[in-house]
């Protein structure tokens, strides 16, 4: 986010229940692991990086 005000506006519109917004490095580390030889069994998955939005059942039409 460019400014704290913009971050607060987005937070008011999109609930992030667990640990707030993900920094780009968090997603980058996931992508590196997915492409690495350490990932031996995971393929064809949808991985949500959404701060727990879906896990806590918040993916309801009123939130989308």
Protein backbone atom coordinates (compact mmCIF):
# COMPACT_ATOMS: atom_id res chain seq x y z
CA UNK A 1 0.00 0.00 0.00
CA UNK A 2 1.27 3.42 -0.82
CA UNK A 3 -0.08 5.23 2.23
CA UNK A 4 -1.38 4.30 5.63
CA UNK A 5 -4.69 5.93 4.70
CA UNK A 6 -5.04 3.68 1.64
CA UNK A 7 -4.25 0.62 3.77
CA UNK A 8 -6.91 1.61 6.30
CA UNK A 9 -9.50 2.15 3.56
CA UNK A 10 -8.80 -1.27 2.08
CA UNK A 11 -8.88 -2.90 5.52
CA UNK A 12 -12.32 -1.39 6.11
CA UNK A 13 -13.61 -2.89 2.84
CA UNK A 14 -11.92 -6.31 2.97
CA UNK A 15 -11.68 -8.07 6.37
CA UNK A 16 -8.30 -9.74 7.01
CA UNK A 17 -8.85 -11.76 10.18
CA UNK A 18 -5.41 -13.36 10.55
CA UNK A 19 -2.27 -11.23 10.71
CA UNK A 20 -3.46 -8.47 8.37
CA UNK A 21 -2.20 -7.97 4.83
CA UNK A 22 0.46 -10.27 3.39
CA UNK A 23 3.66 -8.63 2.29
CA UNK A 24 4.86 -9.54 -1.22
CA UNK A 25 7.75 -11.57 0.24
CA UNK A 26 5.24 -13.99 1.79
CA UNK A 27 3.75 -14.79 -1.60
CA UNK A 28 7.21 -14.90 -3.21
CA UNK A 29 8.41 -17.51 -0.70
CA UNK A 30 5.36 -19.65 -1.43
CA UNK A 31 6.02 -19.45 -5.18
CA UNK A 32 9.68 -20.35 -4.72
CA UNK A 33 8.73 -23.38 -2.64
CA UNK A 34 6.06 -24.48 -5.14
CA UNK A 35 8.65 -24.42 -7.93
CA UNK A 36 11.35 -26.13 -5.88
CA UNK A 37 12.36 -29.77 -5.61
CA UNK A 38 11.17 -29.70 -1.98
CA UNK A 39 7.58 -29.65 -3.26
CA UNK A 40 7.15 -33.32 -4.11
CA UNK A 41 3.40 -33.84 -3.77
CA UNK A 42 1.47 -30.60 -4.24
CA UNK A 43 0.01 -29.86 -7.65
CA UNK A 44 -3.28 -28.70 -9.09
CA UNK A 45 -4.30 -26.77 -5.99
CA UNK A 46 -5.81 -23.39 -5.32
CA UNK A 47 -3.86 -21.75 -2.52
CA UNK A 48 -5.58 -18.82 -0.87
CA UNK A 49 -3.30 -16.13 0.53
CA UNK A 50 -6.13 -14.17 2.06
CA UNK A 51 -5.40 -13.80 5.75
CA UNK A 52 -7.93 -16.45 6.76
CA UNK A 53 -10.83 -14.90 4.88
CA UNK A 54 -12.01 -18.25 3.44
CA UNK A 55 -11.07 -20.42 6.41
CA UNK A 56 -13.23 -18.40 8.77
CA UNK A 57 -16.21 -18.65 6.43
CA UNK A 58 -16.10 -14.99 5.46
CA UNK A 59 -16.29 -15.75 1.72
CA UNK A 60 -19.98 -14.93 1.69
CA UNK A 61 -21.60 -12.82 -1.05
CA UNK A 62 -21.93 -9.82 1.25
CA UNK A 63 -18.13 -9.68 1.59
CA UNK A 64 -17.39 -10.13 -2.11
